[in-house]
PDB file of N, CA and C in Angstrom:
ATOM      1  N   MET A   1     171.322 160.819 158.587  1.00  0.00           N
ATOM      2  CA  MET A   1     169.994 160.239 158.621  1.00  0.00           C
ATOM      3  C   MET A   1     170.067 158.790 159.105  1.00  0.00           C
ATOM      4  N   LEU A   2     171.081 158.095 158.673  1.00  0.00           N
ATOM      5  CA  LEU A   2     171.247 156.708 159.067  1.00  0.00           C
ATOM      6  C   LEU A   2     171.477 156.602 160.574  1.00  0.00           C
ATOM      7  N   HIS A   3     172.254 157.525 161.088  1.00  0.00           N
ATOM      8  CA  HIS A   3     172.518 157.532 162.527  1.00  0.00           C
ATOM      9  C   HIS A   3     171.228 157.764 163.316  1.00  0.00           C
ATOM     10  N   TYR A   4     170.352 158.630 162.820  1.00  0.00           N
ATOM     11  CA  TYR A   4     169.082 158.907 163.489  1.00  0.00           C
ATOM     12  C   TYR A   4     168.211 157.657 163.527  1.00  0.00           C
ATOM     13  N   MET A   5     168.179 156.898 162.456  1.00  0.00           N
ATOM     14  CA  MET A   5     167.353 155.697 162.411  1.00  0.00           C
ATOM     15  C   MET A   5     167.875 154.639 163.378  1.00  0.00           C
ATOM     16  N   SER A   6     169.178 154.504 163.485  1.00  0.00           N
ATOM     17  CA  SER A   6     169.707 153.503 164.400  1.00  0.00           C
ATOM     18  C   SER A   6     169.426 153.895 165.847  1.00  0.00           C
ATOM     19  N   MET A   7     169.460 155.197 166.150  1.00  0.00           N
ATOM     20  CA  MET A   7     169.123 155.656 167.500  1.00  0.00           C
ATOM     21  C   MET A   7     167.648 155.393 167.794  1.00  0.00           C
ATOM     22  N   ASN A   8     166.807 155.609 166.778  1.00  0.00           N
ATOM     23  CA  ASN A   8     165.383 155.379 166.953  1.00  0.00           C
ATOM     24  C   ASN A   8     165.109 153.891 167.198  1.00  0.00           C
ATOM     25  N   GLU A   9     165.804 153.037 166.477  1.00  0.00           N
ATOM     26  CA  GLU A   9     165.639 151.599 166.682  1.00  0.00           C
ATOM     27  C   GLU A   9     166.126 151.177 168.059  1.00  0.00           C
ATOM     28  N   GLU A  10     167.225 151.766 168.503  1.00  0.00           N
ATOM     29  CA  GLU A  10     167.730 151.462 169.844  1.00  0.00           C
ATOM     30  C   GLU A  10     166.730 151.887 170.903  1.00  0.00           C
ATOM     31  N   THR A  11     166.109 153.040 170.683  1.00  0.00           N
ATOM     32  CA  THR A  11     165.102 153.527 171.634  1.00  0.00           C
ATOM     33  C   THR A  11     163.917 152.576 171.681  1.00  0.00           C
ATOM     34  N   ASN A  12     163.468 152.121 170.513  1.00  0.00           N
ATOM     35  CA  ASN A  12     162.345 151.178 170.485  1.00  0.00           C
ATOM     36  C   ASN A  12     162.726 149.861 171.140  1.00  0.00           C
ATOM     37  N   ASN A  13     163.925 149.375 170.885  1.00  0.00           N
ATOM     38  CA  ASN A  13     164.367 148.118 171.488  1.00  0.00           C
ATOM     39  C   ASN A  13     164.473 148.252 172.997  1.00  0.00           C
ATOM     40  N   SER A  14     165.021 149.367 173.470  1.00  0.00           N
ATOM     41  CA  SER A  14     165.134 149.545 174.913  1.00  0.00           C
ATOM     42  C   SER A  14     163.757 149.738 175.532  1.00  0.00           C
ATOM     43  N   GLY A  15     162.837 150.339 174.780  1.00  0.00           N
ATOM     44  CA  GLY A  15     161.467 150.489 175.278  1.00  0.00           C
ATOM     45  C   GLY A  15     160.798 149.145 175.457  1.00  0.00           C
ATOM     46  N   MET A  16     161.019 148.259 174.535  1.00  0.00           N
ATOM     47  CA  MET A  16     160.450 146.922 174.664  1.00  0.00           C
ATOM     48  C   MET A  16     161.110 146.197 175.821  1.00  0.00           C
ATOM     49  N   SER A  17     162.376 146.417 175.987  1.00  0.00           N
ATOM     50  CA  SER A  17     163.079 145.781 177.089  1.00  0.00           C
ATOM     51  C   SER A  17     162.538 146.277 178.428  1.00  0.00           C
ATOM     52  N   ILE A  18     162.270 147.558 178.521  1.00  0.00           N
ATOM     53  CA  ILE A  18     161.724 148.123 179.757  1.00  0.00           C
ATOM     54  C   ILE A  18     160.339 147.557 180.028  1.00  0.00           C
ATOM     55  N   GLU A  19     159.516 147.443 178.979  1.00  0.00           N
ATOM     56  CA  GLU A  19     158.179 146.868 179.164  1.00  0.00           C
ATOM     57  C   GLU A  19     158.266 145.421 179.639  1.00  0.00           C
ATOM     58  N   GLU A  20     159.191 144.675 179.078  1.00  0.00           N
ATOM     59  CA  GLU A  20     159.370 143.284 179.505  1.00  0.00           C
ATOM     60  C   GLU A  20     159.820 143.222 180.962  1.00  0.00           C
ATOM     61  N   LYS A  21     160.692 144.130 181.339  1.00  0.00           N
ATOM     62  CA  LYS A  21     161.145 144.164 182.726  1.00  0.00           C
ATOM     63  C   LYS A  21     160.017 144.547 183.663  1.00  0.00           C
ATOM     64  N   ILE A  22     159.191 145.485 183.262  1.00  0.00           N
ATOM     65  CA  ILE A  22     158.044 145.879 184.095  1.00  0.00           C
ATOM     66  C   ILE A  22     157.082 144.708 184.250  1.00  0.00           C
ATOM     67  N   ASP A  23     156.857 143.960 183.163  1.00  0.00           N
ATOM     68  CA  ASP A  23     155.986 142.779 183.249  1.00  0.00           C
ATOM     69  C   ASP A  23     156.583 141.737 184.193  1.00  0.00           C
ATOM     70  N   ALA A  24     157.894 141.556 184.125  1.00  0.00           N
ATOM     71  CA  ALA A  24     158.544 140.599 185.024  1.00  0.00           C
ATOM     72  C   ALA A  24     158.442 141.056 186.475  1.00  0.00           C
ATOM     73  N   ILE A  25     158.588 142.343 186.711  1.00  0.00           N
ATOM     74  CA  ILE A  25     158.450 142.881 188.069  1.00  0.00           C
ATOM     75  C   ILE A  25     157.029 142.675 188.567  1.00  0.00           C
ATOM     76  N   TYR A  26     156.037 142.891 187.705  1.00  0.00           N
ATOM     77  CA  TYR A  26     154.644 142.701 188.091  1.00  0.00           C
ATOM     78  C   TYR A  26     154.393 141.248 188.495  1.00  0.00           C
ATOM     79  N   VAL A  27     154.915 140.314 187.722  1.00  0.00           N
ATOM     80  CA  VAL A  27     154.746 138.887 188.050  1.00  0.00           C
ATOM     81  C   VAL A  27     155.399 138.587 189.393  1.00  0.00           C
ATOM     82  N   SER A  28     156.582 139.136 189.608  1.00  0.00           N
ATOM     83  CA  SER A  28     157.293 138.908 190.871  1.00  0.00           C
ATOM     84  C   SER A  28     156.527 139.495 192.047  1.00  0.00           C
ATOM     85  N   VAL A  29     155.974 140.680 191.871  1.00  0.00           N
ATOM     86  CA  VAL A  29     155.208 141.323 192.947  1.00  0.00           C
ATOM     87  C   VAL A  29     153.950 140.524 193.260  1.00  0.00           C
ATOM     88  N   GLU A  30     153.297 140.001 192.247  1.00  0.00           N
ATOM     89  CA  GLU A  30     152.098 139.188 192.477  1.00  0.00           C
ATOM     90  C   GLU A  30     152.445 137.903 193.224  1.00  0.00           C
ATOM     91  N   LYS A  31     153.565 137.276 192.888  1.00  0.00           N
ATOM     92  CA  LYS A  31     153.987 136.077 193.617  1.00  0.00           C
ATOM     93  C   LYS A  31     154.285 136.410 195.073  1.00  0.00           C
ATOM     94  N   THR A  32     154.934 137.553 195.299  1.00  0.00           N
ATOM     95  CA  THR A  32     155.248 137.968 196.666  1.00  0.00           C
ATOM     96  C   THR A  32     153.977 138.269 197.438  1.00  0.00           C
ATOM     97  N   ARG A  33     153.018 138.920 196.797  1.00  0.00           N
ATOM     98  CA  ARG A  33     151.746 139.230 197.460  1.00  0.00           C
ATOM     99  C   ARG A  33     151.028 137.937 197.863  1.00  0.00           C
ATOM    100  N   LYS A  34     151.007 136.963 196.975  1.00  0.00           N
ATOM    101  CA  LYS A  34     150.368 135.684 197.292  1.00  0.00           C
ATOM    102  C   LYS A  34     151.101 134.974 198.428  1.00  0.00           C
ATOM    103  N   TYR A  35     152.438 135.061 198.433  1.00  0.00           N
ATOM    104  CA  TYR A  35     153.228 134.457 199.503  1.00  0.00           C
ATOM    105  C   TYR A  35     152.875 135.091 200.848  1.00  0.00           C
ATOM    106  N   PHE A  36     152.813 136.422 200.891  1.00  0.00           N
ATOM    107  CA  PHE A  36     152.466 137.091 202.142  1.00  0.00           C
ATOM    108  C   PHE A  36     151.044 136.764 202.578  1.00  0.00           C
ATOM    109  N   LEU A  37     150.130 136.600 201.637  1.00  0.00           N
ATOM    110  CA  LEU A  37     148.759 136.227 201.973  1.00  0.00           C
ATOM    111  C   LEU A  37     148.724 134.835 202.600  1.00  0.00           C
ATOM    112  N   ILE A  38     149.482 133.904 202.039  1.00  0.00           N
ATOM    113  CA  ILE A  38     149.541 132.553 202.602  1.00  0.00           C
ATOM    114  C   ILE A  38     150.166 132.584 203.993  1.00  0.00           C
ATOM    115  N   VAL A  39     151.234 133.359 204.164  1.00  0.00           N
ATOM    116  CA  VAL A  39     151.879 133.470 205.472  1.00  0.00           C
ATOM    117  C   VAL A  39     150.907 134.053 206.490  1.00  0.00           C
ATOM    118  N   MET A  40     150.092 135.033 206.082  1.00  0.00           N
ATOM    119  CA  MET A  40     149.115 135.621 206.992  1.00  0.00           C
ATOM    120  C   MET A  40     148.091 134.579 207.439  1.00  0.00           C
ATOM    121  N   TRP A  41     147.579 133.781 206.503  1.00  0.00           N
ATOM    122  CA  TRP A  41     146.584 132.766 206.864  1.00  0.00           C
ATOM    123  C   TRP A  41     147.188 131.674 207.745  1.00  0.00           C
ATOM    124  N   VAL A  42     148.428 131.271 207.471  1.00  0.00           N
ATOM    125  CA  VAL A  42     149.077 130.264 208.310  1.00  0.00           C
ATOM    126  C   VAL A  42     149.309 130.811 209.708  1.00  0.00           C
ATOM    127  N   THR A  43     149.723 132.070 209.807  1.00  0.00           N
ATOM    128  CA  THR A  43     149.917 132.692 211.112  1.00  0.00           C
ATOM    129  C   THR A  43     148.594 132.766 211.866  1.00  0.00           C
ATOM    130  N   LEU A  44     147.551 133.141 211.175  1.00  0.00           N
ATOM    131  CA  LEU A  44     146.234 133.200 211.808  1.00  0.00           C
ATOM    132  C   LEU A  44     145.826 131.828 212.327  1.00  0.00           C
ATOM    133  N   GLY A  45     146.025 130.805 211.527  1.00  0.00           N
ATOM    134  CA  GLY A  45     145.640 129.462 211.940  1.00  0.00           C
ATOM    135  C   GLY A  45     146.520 128.889 213.035  1.00  0.00           C
ATOM    136  N   ALA A  46     147.804 129.235 213.032  1.00  0.00           N
ATOM    137  CA  ALA A  46     148.733 128.628 213.975  1.00  0.00           C
ATOM    138  C   ALA A  46     148.793 129.344 215.317  1.00  0.00           C
ATOM    139  N   PHE A  47     148.514 130.632 215.378  1.00  0.00           N
ATOM    140  CA  PHE A  47     148.690 131.366 216.620  1.00  0.00           C
ATOM    141  C   PHE A  47     147.413 132.022 217.133  1.00  0.00           C
ATOM    142  N   VAL A  48     146.683 132.668 216.273  1.00  0.00           N
ATOM    143  CA  VAL A  48     145.518 133.428 216.728  1.00  0.00           C
ATOM    144  C   VAL A  48     144.374 132.503 217.128  1.00  0.00           C
ATOM    145  N   LEU A  49     144.054 131.524 216.319  1.00  0.00           N
ATOM    146  CA  LEU A  49     142.949 130.623 216.648  1.00  0.00           C
ATOM    147  C   LEU A  49     143.208 129.818 217.927  1.00  0.00           C
ATOM    148  N   PRO A  50     144.399 129.250 218.140  1.00  0.00           N
ATOM    149  CA  PRO A  50     144.652 128.587 219.425  1.00  0.00           C
ATOM    150  C   PRO A  50     144.604 129.563 220.608  1.00  0.00           C
ATOM    151  N   ALA A  51     145.029 130.796 220.412  1.00  0.00           N
ATOM    152  CA  ALA A  51     144.951 131.780 221.497  1.00  0.00           C
ATOM    153  C   ALA A  51     143.498 132.063 221.871  1.00  0.00           C
ATOM    154  N   ILE A  52     142.634 132.151 220.879  1.00  0.00           N
ATOM    155  CA  ILE A  52     141.204 132.342 221.151  1.00  0.00           C
ATOM    156  C   ILE A  52     140.652 131.113 221.867  1.00  0.00           C
ATOM    157  N   GLY A  53     141.077 129.924 221.478  1.00  0.00           N
ATOM    158  CA  GLY A  53     140.646 128.706 222.167  1.00  0.00           C
ATOM    159  C   GLY A  53     141.097 128.683 223.614  1.00  0.00           C
ATOM    160  N   LEU A  54     142.304 129.186 223.885  1.00  0.00           N
ATOM    161  CA  LEU A  54     142.798 129.231 225.262  1.00  0.00           C
ATOM    162  C   LEU A  54     141.977 130.187 226.126  1.00  0.00           C
ATOM    163  N   LEU A  55     141.421 131.216 225.516  1.00  0.00           N
ATOM    164  CA  LEU A  55     140.563 132.130 226.279  1.00  0.00           C
ATOM    165  C   LEU A  55     139.364 131.397 226.879  1.00  0.00           C
ATOM    166  N   PHE A  56     138.926 130.326 226.225  1.00  0.00           N
ATOM    167  CA  PHE A  56     137.815 129.535 226.749  1.00  0.00           C
ATOM    168  C   PHE A  56     138.300 128.347 227.591  1.00  0.00           C
ATOM    169  N   ALA A  57     139.449 127.778 227.256  1.00  0.00           N
ATOM    170  CA  ALA A  57     139.931 126.585 227.944  1.00  0.00           C
ATOM    171  C   ALA A  57     140.510 126.901 229.317  1.00  0.00           C
ATOM    172  N   ILE A  58     141.216 128.008 229.460  1.00  0.00           N
ATOM    173  CA  ILE A  58     141.853 128.337 230.737  1.00  0.00           C
ATOM    174  C   ILE A  58     140.818 128.589 231.839  1.00  0.00           C
ATOM    175  N   PRO A  59     139.763 129.374 231.605  1.00  0.00           N
ATOM    176  CA  PRO A  59     138.759 129.530 232.672  1.00  0.00           C
ATOM    177  C   PRO A  59     138.068 128.211 233.044  1.00  0.00           C
ATOM    178  N   ALA A  60     137.827 127.350 232.059  1.00  0.00           N
ATOM    179  CA  ALA A  60     137.211 126.053 232.354  1.00  0.00           C
ATOM    180  C   ALA A  60     138.154 125.212 233.202  1.00  0.00           C
ATOM    181  N   PHE A  61     139.446 125.238 232.899  1.00  0.00           N
ATOM    182  CA  PHE A  61     140.425 124.499 233.686  1.00  0.00           C
ATOM    183  C   PHE A  61     140.503 125.051 235.110  1.00  0.00           C
ATOM    184  N   ILE A  62     140.525 126.352 235.255  1.00  0.00           N
ATOM    185  CA  ILE A  62     140.596 126.967 236.588  1.00  0.00           C
ATOM    186  C   ILE A  62     139.351 126.613 237.391  1.00  0.00           C
ATOM    187  N   ASN A  63     138.192 126.611 236.743  1.00  0.00           N
ATOM    188  CA  ASN A  63     136.946 126.259 237.432  1.00  0.00           C
ATOM    189  C   ASN A  63     137.004 124.805 237.914  1.00  0.00           C
ATOM    190  N   THR A  64     137.457 123.901 237.076  1.00  0.00           N
ATOM    191  CA  THR A  64     137.568 122.496 237.467  1.00  0.00           C
ATOM    192  C   THR A  64     138.585 122.322 238.583  1.00  0.00           C
ATOM    193  N   TYR A  65     139.690 123.008 238.504  1.00  0.00           N
ATOM    194  CA  TYR A  65     140.752 122.911 239.503  1.00  0.00           C
ATOM    195  C   TYR A  65     140.284 123.437 240.852  1.00  0.00           C
ATOM    196  N   THR A  66     139.617 124.576 240.882  1.00  0.00           N
ATOM    197  CA  THR A  66     139.156 125.144 242.173  1.00  0.00           C
ATOM    198  C   THR A  66     138.018 124.327 242.742  1.00  0.00           C
ATOM    199  N   THR A  67     137.184 123.733 241.902  1.00  0.00           N
ATOM    200  CA  THR A  67     136.103 122.883 242.391  1.00  0.00           C
ATOM    201  C   THR A  67     136.674 121.652 243.074  1.00  0.00           C
ATOM    202  N   SER A  68     137.718 121.062 242.510  1.00  0.00           N
ATOM    203  CA  SER A  68     138.304 119.883 243.116  1.00  0.00           C
ATOM    204  C   SER A  68     139.043 120.252 244.420  1.00  0.00           C
ATOM    205  N   LEU A  69     139.560 121.446 244.513  1.00  0.00           N
ATOM    206  CA  LEU A  69     140.237 121.882 245.751  1.00  0.00           C
ATOM    207  C   LEU A  69     139.240 122.178 246.856  1.00  0.00           C
ATOM    208  N   ASN A  70     138.020 122.595 246.542  1.00  0.00           N
ATOM    209  CA  ASN A  70     137.017 122.880 247.568  1.00  0.00           C
ATOM    210  C   ASN A  70     136.655 121.638 248.367  1.00  0.00           C
ATOM    211  N   GLY A  71     136.685 120.476 247.746  1.00  0.00           N
ATOM    212  CA  GLY A  71     136.405 119.250 248.469  1.00  0.00           C
ATOM    213  C   GLY A  71     137.527 118.875 249.422  1.00  0.00           C
ATOM    214  N   LEU A  72     138.746 119.298 249.175  1.00  0.00           N
ATOM    215  CA  LEU A  72     139.884 118.970 250.032  1.00  0.00           C
ATOM    216  C   LEU A  72     140.015 119.928 251.196  1.00  0.00           C
ATOM    217  N   LEU A  73     139.584 121.152 251.015  1.00  0.00           N
ATOM    218  CA  LEU A  73     139.759 122.151 252.066  1.00  0.00           C
ATOM    219  C   LEU A  73     138.603 122.126 252.975  1.00  0.00           C
TER     220      LEU A  73
END
């Protein structure tokens, strides 16, 4: 009977340990998710927005460049 109780206590202790580990994994996953979200926003700000700006700036530059060449030719 004594052996059964010690096994039961070990099971409860390991169960608590598993729950603590799951909680730690959850915290780690949430930190990773937030990190990836920040990386996504930085990527959007650093590459996508300037690329959209270039879609408007390049045609304006080409128009100015060809207009100035028309006076020379």
